[in-house]
Protein backbone atom coordinates (compact mmCIF):
# COMPACT_ATOMS: atom_id res chain seq x y z
CA GLN A 1 -0.03 0.02 -0.02
CA VAL A 2 1.12 3.53 -0.84
CA GLN A 3 -0.42 6.69 0.57
CA LEU A 4 -0.08 10.03 -1.16
CA VAL A 5 -0.55 13.57 0.10
CA GLU A 6 -0.46 16.51 -2.29
CA SER A 7 0.10 20.07 -1.47
CA GLY A 8 0.98 23.39 -3.15
CA GLY A 9 -2.15 24.21 -5.13
CA GLY A 10 -3.75 27.67 -5.02
CA LEU A 11 -4.83 30.67 -6.97
CA VAL A 12 -2.37 32.34 -9.22
CA GLN A 13 -2.50 34.91 -12.07
CA ALA A 14 -1.63 33.99 -15.62
CA GLY A 15 2.04 33.92 -16.10
CA GLY A 16 2.74 33.04 -12.52
CA SER A 17 4.22 29.86 -10.93
CA LEU A 18 3.33 27.19 -8.50
CA ARG A 19 5.07 24.20 -7.16
CA LEU A 20 3.17 21.12 -6.26
CA SER A 21 4.40 18.40 -3.86
CA CYS A 22 3.37 14.84 -3.44
CA VAL A 23 4.64 12.92 -0.41
CA ALA A 24 4.54 9.16 -0.59
CA SER A 25 4.46 6.89 2.42
CA GLY A 26 4.02 3.10 2.96
CA SER A 27 5.58 0.66 0.45
CA THR A 28 7.55 3.39 -1.30
CA SER A 29 10.35 0.95 -2.28
CA THR A 30 7.96 -0.71 -4.75
CA ILE A 31 7.19 2.44 -6.66
CA ASN A 32 8.15 2.15 -10.30
CA ALA A 33 6.43 5.23 -11.66
CA ILE A 34 5.04 8.42 -10.24
CA GLY A 35 3.25 11.23 -11.97
CA TRP A 36 0.89 14.04 -12.03
CA TYR A 37 -2.52 14.16 -13.72
CA ARG A 38 -5.20 16.80 -13.82
CA GLN A 39 -8.86 17.04 -14.27
CA ALA A 40 -10.70 20.17 -15.37
CA PRO A 41 -14.46 20.45 -14.91
CA GLY A 42 -16.34 18.57 -17.53
CA LYS A 43 -13.13 17.00 -18.84
CA GLN A 44 -11.40 13.67 -18.47
CA ARG A 45 -8.42 13.25 -16.30
CA GLU A 46 -5.25 13.58 -18.31
CA LEU A 47 -1.49 12.95 -17.83
CA VAL A 48 0.59 16.04 -17.12
CA ALA A 49 3.92 14.53 -16.40
CA ARG A 50 5.35 11.21 -15.27
CA ILE A 51 8.69 9.91 -14.18
CA ARG A 52 9.76 6.26 -13.93
CA SER A 53 12.30 4.86 -11.52
CA SER A 54 14.53 4.42 -14.49
CA GLY A 55 14.26 6.65 -17.51
CA SER A 56 13.49 10.18 -18.51
CA PRO A 57 10.37 11.98 -17.58
CA ASN A 58 7.65 12.53 -20.11
CA TYR A 59 5.27 15.41 -20.39
CA ALA A 60 1.97 16.28 -22.06
CA ASP A 61 2.53 18.46 -25.12
CA SER A 62 0.53 21.24 -23.51
CA VAL A 63 2.96 21.65 -20.64
CA LYS A 64 6.35 20.99 -22.32
CA GLY A 65 8.73 23.74 -21.62
CA ARG A 66 6.63 25.14 -18.77
CA PHE A 67 6.28 22.35 -16.27
CA THR A 68 9.09 20.25 -14.72
CA ILE A 69 8.64 17.07 -12.72
CA SER A 70 11.36 16.06 -10.21
CA ARG A 71 11.74 13.50 -7.57
CA ASP A 72 13.56 13.47 -4.24
CA ASN A 73 13.93 9.82 -3.31
CA ALA A 74 15.31 10.56 0.10
CA LYS A 75 12.13 12.47 1.02
CA ASN A 76 9.80 10.17 -1.01
CA THR A 77 8.54 13.28 -2.64
CA VAL A 78 7.76 14.24 -6.24
CA TYR A 79 7.38 17.82 -7.31
CA LEU A 80 5.76 19.60 -10.18
CA GLN A 81 7.15 23.02 -10.90
CA MET A 82 4.65 24.84 -12.99
CA ASN A 83 5.76 28.08 -14.67
CA SER A 84 4.02 30.42 -17.20
CA LEU A 85 0.71 29.23 -16.00
CA LYS A 86 -2.27 29.72 -18.31
CA PRO A 87 -6.04 29.83 -17.47
CA GLU A 88 -6.33 26.48 -19.30
CA ASP A 89 -4.10 24.94 -16.67
CA THR A 90 -6.87 25.28 -14.11
CA ALA A 91 -7.82 21.80 -12.79
CA VAL A 92 -7.56 19.53 -9.85
CA TYR A 93 -4.10 17.99 -9.96
CA TYR A 94 -3.64 14.50 -8.73
CA CYS A 95 -0.58 12.59 -7.92
CA LYS A 96 -0.54 8.93 -9.09
CA VAL A 97 1.80 6.09 -8.28
CA ASP A 98 2.16 2.68 -9.89
CA ALA A 99 3.69 0.35 -7.33
CA GLY A 100 4.13 -3.31 -6.52
CA THR A 101 6.45 -6.25 -6.64
CA TYR A 102 4.57 -9.12 -8.26
CA ARG A 103 1.48 -7.10 -9.24
CA ILE A 104 1.33 -3.45 -10.14
CA ASP A 105 -1.42 -1.35 -8.28
CA THR A 106 -2.28 2.17 -8.87
CA TYR A 107 -2.73 4.71 -6.05
CA TRP A 108 -4.00 8.23 -6.26
CA GLY A 109 -3.74 11.22 -3.99
CA GLN A 110 -6.76 13.29 -2.96
CA GLY A 111 -5.96 16.12 -5.42
CA THR A 112 -5.07 19.78 -5.10
CA GLN A 113 -6.87 22.57 -6.84
CA VAL A 114 -4.92 24.90 -9.12
CA THR A 115 -6.76 27.98 -10.42
CA VAL A 116 -5.19 30.35 -12.86
CA SER A 117 -6.90 33.70 -13.36
CA SER A 118 -6.65 35.70 -16.60
């Protein structure tokens, strides 16, 4: 089992920045991928950025060059630095982990609201 707690959301003007944090606890040694997803009202949840235990991160085209995902293994924390925010980035942002040894399970955080005003 992995538990996830997100923080760092809020209200920001267009062009501003926010940094989201996701702290993992529990069976963190079995995590093989961790990422950020978002869901805007009336839309499906979509991938924002993801990083695997081995390999380069990947990003949605809409955030490339503006968002950066990073991971601090010592703190079991993943960050999403969001720069040059746009109103269309407004959504609830969720942290997601794929973890397991013999079977991969998916865990979600509770979400954190990001609102970008124009």
